[in-house]
């Protein structure tokens, strides 16, 4: 049978967690007392929530600004198109241009002034 024997007599150091190391280093037990962290958890959670809401709001504002910039460029393009179309319409609605288009249909422009009929 196998018997248990003690090896070397040295015990391995157990790894301590980051938070226990932090407590020892900063001596928080002396500053806050036992369970001192639990007093501040609601406050820290509230501040964290406010930070998340602030970050979300900044992202939304940036998104709106990008949309506004895109809409401004499209409005400028539409305004330029409108100006071009208006100028073209004004040119084609001139009497001489209308007369050129109507001449193809066999109509001609009147050279004499119109007579006014007066009914008594």
N, C-alpha and C. Protein backbone atom coordinates (compact mmCIF):
# COMPACT_ATOMS: atom_id res chain seq x y z
N UNK A 1 0.81 -1.18 0.00
CA UNK A 1 0.00 0.00 0.00
C UNK A 1 0.85 1.25 0.00
N UNK A 2 0.23 2.32 -0.47
CA UNK A 2 0.95 3.58 -0.56
C UNK A 2 0.67 4.36 0.70
N UNK A 3 1.71 4.95 1.22
CA UNK A 3 1.54 5.76 2.42
C UNK A 3 1.74 7.22 2.07
N UNK A 4 1.09 8.05 2.83
CA UNK A 4 1.22 9.49 2.62
C UNK A 4 2.51 9.98 3.25
N UNK A 5 3.23 10.78 2.54
CA UNK A 5 4.47 11.35 3.06
C UNK A 5 4.42 12.86 2.86
N UNK A 6 5.08 13.57 3.72
CA UNK A 6 5.14 15.03 3.64
C UNK A 6 6.30 15.39 2.74
N UNK A 7 6.01 16.23 1.77
CA UNK A 7 7.05 16.65 0.84
C UNK A 7 7.58 18.00 1.29
N UNK A 8 8.82 18.09 1.46
CA UNK A 8 9.56 19.32 1.64
C UNK A 8 9.05 20.27 2.72
N UNK A 9 7.86 20.15 3.13
CA UNK A 9 7.31 20.96 4.21
C UNK A 9 6.96 22.39 3.80
N UNK A 10 7.20 22.78 2.59
CA UNK A 10 6.88 24.15 2.16
C UNK A 10 5.48 24.16 1.56
N UNK A 11 4.71 25.13 2.00
CA UNK A 11 3.37 25.29 1.44
C UNK A 11 3.43 26.34 0.34
N UNK A 12 2.64 26.10 -0.70
CA UNK A 12 2.58 27.08 -1.78
C UNK A 12 1.74 28.26 -1.33
N UNK A 13 2.16 29.42 -1.76
CA UNK A 13 1.41 30.61 -1.44
C UNK A 13 0.14 30.62 -2.29
N UNK A 14 -0.99 30.85 -1.67
CA UNK A 14 -2.22 30.92 -2.46
C UNK A 14 -2.28 32.30 -3.11
N UNK A 15 -2.75 32.32 -4.35
CA UNK A 15 -2.83 33.60 -5.05
C UNK A 15 -3.97 34.40 -4.45
N UNK A 16 -3.70 35.62 -4.14
CA UNK A 16 -4.76 36.46 -3.61
C UNK A 16 -5.40 37.22 -4.76
N UNK A 17 -6.65 37.54 -4.60
CA UNK A 17 -7.36 38.22 -5.68
C UNK A 17 -6.93 39.69 -5.74
N UNK A 18 -7.28 40.32 -6.83
CA UNK A 18 -6.92 41.72 -7.04
C UNK A 18 -7.54 42.61 -5.97
N UNK A 19 -8.79 42.32 -5.64
CA UNK A 19 -9.49 43.18 -4.68
C UNK A 19 -8.94 43.02 -3.26
N UNK A 20 -8.56 41.79 -2.89
CA UNK A 20 -7.96 41.63 -1.56
C UNK A 20 -6.59 42.32 -1.52
N UNK A 21 -5.85 42.23 -2.60
CA UNK A 21 -4.57 42.94 -2.67
C UNK A 21 -4.80 44.45 -2.58
N UNK A 22 -5.83 44.96 -3.27
CA UNK A 22 -6.15 46.37 -3.23
C UNK A 22 -6.53 46.82 -1.82
N UNK A 23 -7.32 46.00 -1.15
CA UNK A 23 -7.71 46.34 0.23
C UNK A 23 -6.49 46.40 1.15
N UNK A 24 -5.59 45.45 0.97
CA UNK A 24 -4.39 45.44 1.82
C UNK A 24 -3.51 46.65 1.51
N UNK A 25 -3.34 46.95 0.25
CA UNK A 25 -2.46 48.03 -0.15
C UNK A 25 -2.99 49.39 0.30
N UNK A 26 -4.27 49.62 0.05
CA UNK A 26 -4.85 50.91 0.40
C UNK A 26 -5.36 50.97 1.83
N UNK A 27 -5.34 49.84 2.49
CA UNK A 27 -5.82 49.73 3.88
C UNK A 27 -7.24 50.29 3.99
N UNK A 28 -8.08 49.81 3.10
CA UNK A 28 -9.45 50.30 3.04
C UNK A 28 -10.27 49.88 4.24
N UNK A 29 -9.91 48.76 4.84
CA UNK A 29 -10.66 48.32 6.04
C UNK A 29 -10.52 49.36 7.15
N UNK A 30 -9.38 49.98 7.25
CA UNK A 30 -9.20 50.99 8.28
C UNK A 30 -9.95 52.28 7.92
N UNK A 31 -9.97 52.61 6.64
CA UNK A 31 -10.63 53.85 6.22
C UNK A 31 -12.15 53.73 6.23
N UNK A 32 -12.66 52.64 5.66
CA UNK A 32 -14.10 52.51 5.48
C UNK A 32 -14.77 51.66 6.55
N UNK A 33 -14.01 50.85 7.22
CA UNK A 33 -14.60 49.93 8.18
C UNK A 33 -15.07 48.68 7.45
N UNK A 34 -15.48 47.67 8.21
CA UNK A 34 -15.93 46.43 7.56
C UNK A 34 -17.21 46.68 6.76
N UNK A 35 -17.23 46.15 5.56
CA UNK A 35 -18.40 46.34 4.70
C UNK A 35 -18.51 47.75 4.17
N UNK A 36 -17.42 48.48 4.15
CA UNK A 36 -17.43 49.88 3.72
C UNK A 36 -17.76 50.06 2.26
N UNK A 37 -17.37 49.07 1.45
CA UNK A 37 -17.67 49.17 0.03
C UNK A 37 -19.17 49.14 -0.22
N UNK A 38 -19.88 48.38 0.54
CA UNK A 38 -21.32 48.20 0.30
C UNK A 38 -22.09 49.50 0.52
N UNK A 39 -21.55 50.40 1.32
CA UNK A 39 -22.24 51.68 1.53
C UNK A 39 -22.25 52.50 0.25
N UNK A 40 -21.19 52.37 -0.55
CA UNK A 40 -21.02 53.22 -1.72
C UNK A 40 -21.45 52.58 -3.03
N UNK A 41 -21.86 51.33 -3.00
CA UNK A 41 -22.27 50.65 -4.24
C UNK A 41 -23.43 51.37 -4.92
N UNK A 42 -24.50 51.78 -4.22
CA UNK A 42 -25.58 52.48 -4.93
C UNK A 42 -25.13 53.79 -5.58
N UNK A 43 -24.24 54.50 -4.90
CA UNK A 43 -23.76 55.76 -5.46
C UNK A 43 -22.91 55.52 -6.71
N UNK A 44 -22.04 54.53 -6.63
CA UNK A 44 -21.19 54.20 -7.78
C UNK A 44 -22.06 53.71 -8.93
N UNK A 45 -23.07 52.90 -8.64
CA UNK A 45 -23.97 52.41 -9.69
C UNK A 45 -24.73 53.57 -10.33
N UNK A 46 -25.18 54.51 -9.53
CA UNK A 46 -25.89 55.67 -10.07
C UNK A 46 -24.99 56.51 -10.96
N UNK A 47 -23.75 56.75 -10.51
CA UNK A 47 -22.82 57.53 -11.33
C UNK A 47 -22.46 56.79 -12.62
N UNK A 48 -22.35 55.48 -12.55
CA UNK A 48 -22.09 54.68 -13.74
C UNK A 48 -23.25 54.80 -14.72
N UNK A 49 -24.47 54.73 -14.21
CA UNK A 49 -25.66 54.88 -15.05
C UNK A 49 -25.69 56.26 -15.71
N UNK A 50 -25.37 57.29 -14.95
CA UNK A 50 -25.32 58.64 -15.52
C UNK A 50 -24.25 58.73 -16.62
N UNK A 51 -23.12 58.10 -16.40
CA UNK A 51 -22.06 58.09 -17.42
C UNK A 51 -22.51 57.40 -18.70
N UNK A 52 -23.19 56.26 -18.56
CA UNK A 52 -23.68 55.53 -19.73
C UNK A 52 -24.71 56.37 -20.48
N UNK A 53 -25.61 57.01 -19.74
CA UNK A 53 -26.63 57.86 -20.37
C UNK A 53 -25.97 59.03 -21.09
N UNK A 54 -24.94 59.61 -20.50
CA UNK A 54 -24.22 60.73 -21.13
C UNK A 54 -23.55 60.28 -22.43
N UNK A 55 -22.92 59.13 -22.42
CA UNK A 55 -22.26 58.61 -23.62
C UNK A 55 -23.29 58.33 -24.70
N UNK A 56 -24.42 57.73 -24.33
CA UNK A 56 -25.48 57.43 -25.29
C UNK A 56 -26.01 58.72 -25.91
N UNK A 57 -26.19 59.73 -25.08
CA UNK A 57 -26.70 61.01 -25.57
C UNK A 57 -25.72 61.65 -26.56
N UNK A 58 -24.42 61.56 -26.28
CA UNK A 58 -23.42 62.10 -27.20
C UNK A 58 -23.48 61.38 -28.55
N UNK A 59 -23.62 60.04 -28.51
CA UNK A 59 -23.71 59.29 -29.76
C UNK A 59 -24.95 59.69 -30.56
N UNK A 60 -26.07 59.87 -29.89
CA UNK A 60 -27.30 60.28 -30.57
C UNK A 60 -27.14 61.67 -31.19
N UNK A 61 -26.50 62.58 -30.46
CA UNK A 61 -26.29 63.93 -30.97
C UNK A 61 -25.40 63.90 -32.22
N UNK A 62 -24.35 63.10 -32.20
CA UNK A 62 -23.48 62.97 -33.37
C UNK A 62 -24.24 62.40 -34.56
N UNK A 63 -25.12 61.44 -34.29
CA UNK A 63 -25.92 60.84 -35.35
C UNK A 63 -26.85 61.88 -35.98
N UNK A 64 -27.47 62.71 -35.15
CA UNK A 64 -28.37 63.76 -35.65
C UNK A 64 -27.58 64.78 -36.47
N UNK A 65 -26.39 65.13 -36.02
CA UNK A 65 -25.56 66.10 -36.75
C UNK A 65 -25.17 65.55 -38.12
N UNK A 66 -24.83 64.24 -38.17
CA UNK A 66 -24.51 63.63 -39.47
C UNK A 66 -25.71 63.65 -40.39
N UNK A 67 -26.91 63.37 -39.86
CA UNK A 67 -28.12 63.41 -40.67
C UNK A 67 -28.40 64.81 -41.17
N UNK A 68 -28.20 65.81 -40.33
CA UNK A 68 -28.42 67.20 -40.73
C UNK A 68 -27.46 67.58 -41.85
N UNK A 69 -26.20 67.18 -41.74
CA UNK A 69 -25.23 67.49 -42.80
C UNK A 69 -25.64 66.84 -44.12
N UNK A 70 -26.08 65.59 -44.07
CA UNK A 70 -26.50 64.91 -45.29
C UNK A 70 -27.72 65.59 -45.90
N UNK A 71 -28.66 65.99 -45.06
CA UNK A 71 -29.86 66.67 -45.57
C UNK A 71 -29.53 68.04 -46.15
N UNK A 72 -28.59 68.74 -45.55
CA UNK A 72 -28.19 70.05 -46.09
C UNK A 72 -27.60 69.91 -47.48
N UNK A 73 -26.78 68.91 -47.70
CA UNK A 73 -26.20 68.72 -49.03
C UNK A 73 -27.28 68.36 -50.04
N UNK A 74 -28.23 67.53 -49.65
CA UNK A 74 -29.30 67.17 -50.59
C UNK A 74 -30.19 68.38 -50.88
N UNK A 75 -30.43 69.23 -49.88
CA UNK A 75 -31.23 70.44 -50.11
C UNK A 75 -30.50 71.37 -51.08
N UNK A 76 -29.20 71.49 -50.94
CA UNK A 76 -28.43 72.33 -51.87
C UNK A 76 -28.52 71.79 -53.29
N UNK A 77 -28.44 70.47 -53.45
CA UNK A 77 -28.57 69.87 -54.77
C UNK A 77 -29.96 70.13 -55.34
N UNK A 78 -30.98 69.97 -54.53
CA UNK A 78 -32.35 70.22 -55.00
C UNK A 78 -32.56 71.69 -55.35
N UNK A 79 -31.98 72.59 -54.59
CA UNK A 79 -32.10 74.02 -54.87
C UNK A 79 -31.44 74.35 -56.22
N UNK A 80 -30.28 73.74 -56.48
CA UNK A 80 -29.61 73.97 -57.76
C UNK A 80 -30.47 73.42 -58.90
N UNK A 81 -31.05 72.24 -58.73
CA UNK A 81 -31.93 71.67 -59.75
C UNK A 81 -33.13 72.57 -59.99
N UNK A 82 -33.72 73.08 -58.93
CA UNK A 82 -34.88 73.96 -59.06
C UNK A 82 -34.52 75.22 -59.84
N UNK A 83 -33.39 75.81 -59.54
CA UNK A 83 -32.97 77.03 -60.22
C UNK A 83 -32.75 76.75 -61.71
N UNK A 84 -32.13 75.63 -62.03
CA UNK A 84 -31.89 75.25 -63.42
C UNK A 84 -33.20 75.05 -64.17
N UNK A 85 -34.11 74.31 -63.55
CA UNK A 85 -35.40 74.04 -64.20
C UNK A 85 -36.22 75.32 -64.37
N UNK A 86 -36.17 76.19 -63.39
CA UNK A 86 -36.91 77.45 -63.48
C UNK A 86 -36.37 78.30 -64.62
N UNK A 87 -35.06 78.38 -64.75
CA UNK A 87 -34.45 79.16 -65.83
C UNK A 87 -34.82 78.56 -67.18
N UNK A 88 -34.78 77.23 -67.30
CA UNK A 88 -35.15 76.57 -68.55
C UNK A 88 -36.62 76.83 -68.89
N UNK A 89 -37.49 76.76 -67.88
CA UNK A 89 -38.92 77.02 -68.09
C UNK A 89 -39.15 78.46 -68.54
N UNK A 90 -38.47 79.41 -67.92
CA UNK A 90 -38.63 80.81 -68.30
C UNK A 90 -38.16 81.03 -69.74
N UNK A 91 -37.11 80.34 -70.14
CA UNK A 91 -36.60 80.49 -71.51
C UNK A 91 -37.59 79.88 -72.51
N UNK A 92 -38.10 78.69 -72.22
CA UNK A 92 -38.99 78.02 -73.17
C UNK A 92 -40.38 78.65 -73.21
N UNK A 93 -40.74 79.45 -72.22
CA UNK A 93 -42.06 80.08 -72.24
C UNK A 93 -42.04 81.47 -72.87
N UNK A 94 -40.91 81.87 -73.40
CA UNK A 94 -40.84 83.14 -74.13
C UNK A 94 -41.69 83.04 -75.40
N UNK A 95 -42.16 84.19 -75.87
CA UNK A 95 -43.03 84.20 -77.05
C UNK A 95 -42.30 83.66 -78.28
N UNK A 96 -41.06 84.00 -78.45
CA UNK A 96 -40.33 83.55 -79.63
C UNK A 96 -40.11 82.04 -79.61
N UNK A 97 -39.82 81.49 -78.44
CA UNK A 97 -39.60 80.04 -78.33
C UNK A 97 -40.91 79.28 -78.56
N UNK A 98 -42.01 79.82 -78.01
CA UNK A 98 -43.32 79.18 -78.23
C UNK A 98 -43.68 79.23 -79.70
N UNK A 99 -43.39 80.36 -80.35
CA UNK A 99 -43.69 80.49 -81.79
C UNK A 99 -42.90 79.48 -82.60
N UNK A 100 -41.63 79.22 -82.26
CA UNK A 100 -40.82 78.22 -82.97
C UNK A 100 -41.43 76.83 -82.83
N UNK A 101 -41.90 76.50 -81.64
CA UNK A 101 -42.47 75.17 -81.41
C UNK A 101 -43.82 75.02 -82.10
N UNK A 102 -44.60 76.08 -82.13
CA UNK A 102 -45.94 76.03 -82.70
C UNK A 102 -45.88 76.04 -84.22
N UNK A 103 -44.84 76.61 -84.81
CA UNK A 103 -44.68 76.68 -86.27
C UNK A 103 -44.66 75.28 -86.87
N UNK A 104 -44.14 74.30 -86.11
CA UNK A 104 -44.09 72.92 -86.59
C UNK A 104 -45.50 72.35 -86.74
N UNK A 105 -46.44 72.86 -85.97
CA UNK A 105 -47.83 72.39 -86.04
C UNK A 105 -48.64 73.10 -87.13
N UNK A 106 -48.06 74.07 -87.77
CA UNK A 106 -48.73 74.79 -88.84
C UNK A 106 -49.37 76.09 -88.39
N UNK A 107 -49.17 76.48 -87.18
CA UNK A 107 -49.71 77.75 -86.69
C UNK A 107 -48.66 78.83 -86.89
N UNK A 108 -49.12 80.04 -87.10
CA UNK A 108 -48.15 81.13 -87.26
C UNK A 108 -48.53 82.29 -86.34
N UNK A 109 -47.54 83.10 -86.09
CA UNK A 109 -47.69 84.22 -85.17
C UNK A 109 -48.44 85.36 -85.87
N UNK A 110 -49.28 86.09 -85.15
CA UNK A 110 -50.04 87.19 -85.71
C UNK A 110 -49.12 88.42 -85.79
N UNK A 111 -49.12 89.05 -86.97
CA UNK A 111 -48.29 90.24 -87.15
C UNK A 111 -49.05 91.52 -86.83
N UNK A 112 -50.37 91.50 -87.02
CA UNK A 112 -51.21 92.69 -86.80
C UNK A 112 -51.68 92.72 -85.35
N UNK A 113 -51.91 93.90 -84.85
CA UNK A 113 -52.45 93.97 -83.49
C UNK A 113 -53.89 93.45 -83.46
N UNK A 114 -54.30 93.01 -82.32
CA UNK A 114 -55.63 92.45 -82.17
C UNK A 114 -56.67 93.57 -82.19
N UNK A 115 -57.87 93.24 -82.70
CA UNK A 115 -58.97 94.20 -82.71
C UNK A 115 -59.86 93.92 -81.51
N UNK A 116 -60.33 94.96 -80.91
CA UNK A 116 -61.20 94.83 -79.75
C UNK A 116 -62.64 95.02 -80.19
N UNK A 117 -63.51 94.12 -79.82
CA UNK A 117 -64.92 94.21 -80.15
C UNK A 117 -65.64 94.82 -78.97
N UNK A 118 -66.44 95.81 -79.27
CA UNK A 118 -67.21 96.47 -78.22
C UNK A 118 -68.67 96.20 -78.53
N UNK A 119 -69.39 95.64 -77.61
CA UNK A 119 -70.82 95.34 -77.78
C UNK A 119 -71.60 96.36 -77.00
N UNK A 120 -72.59 96.99 -77.73
CA UNK A 120 -73.40 98.01 -77.08
C UNK A 120 -74.67 97.40 -76.55
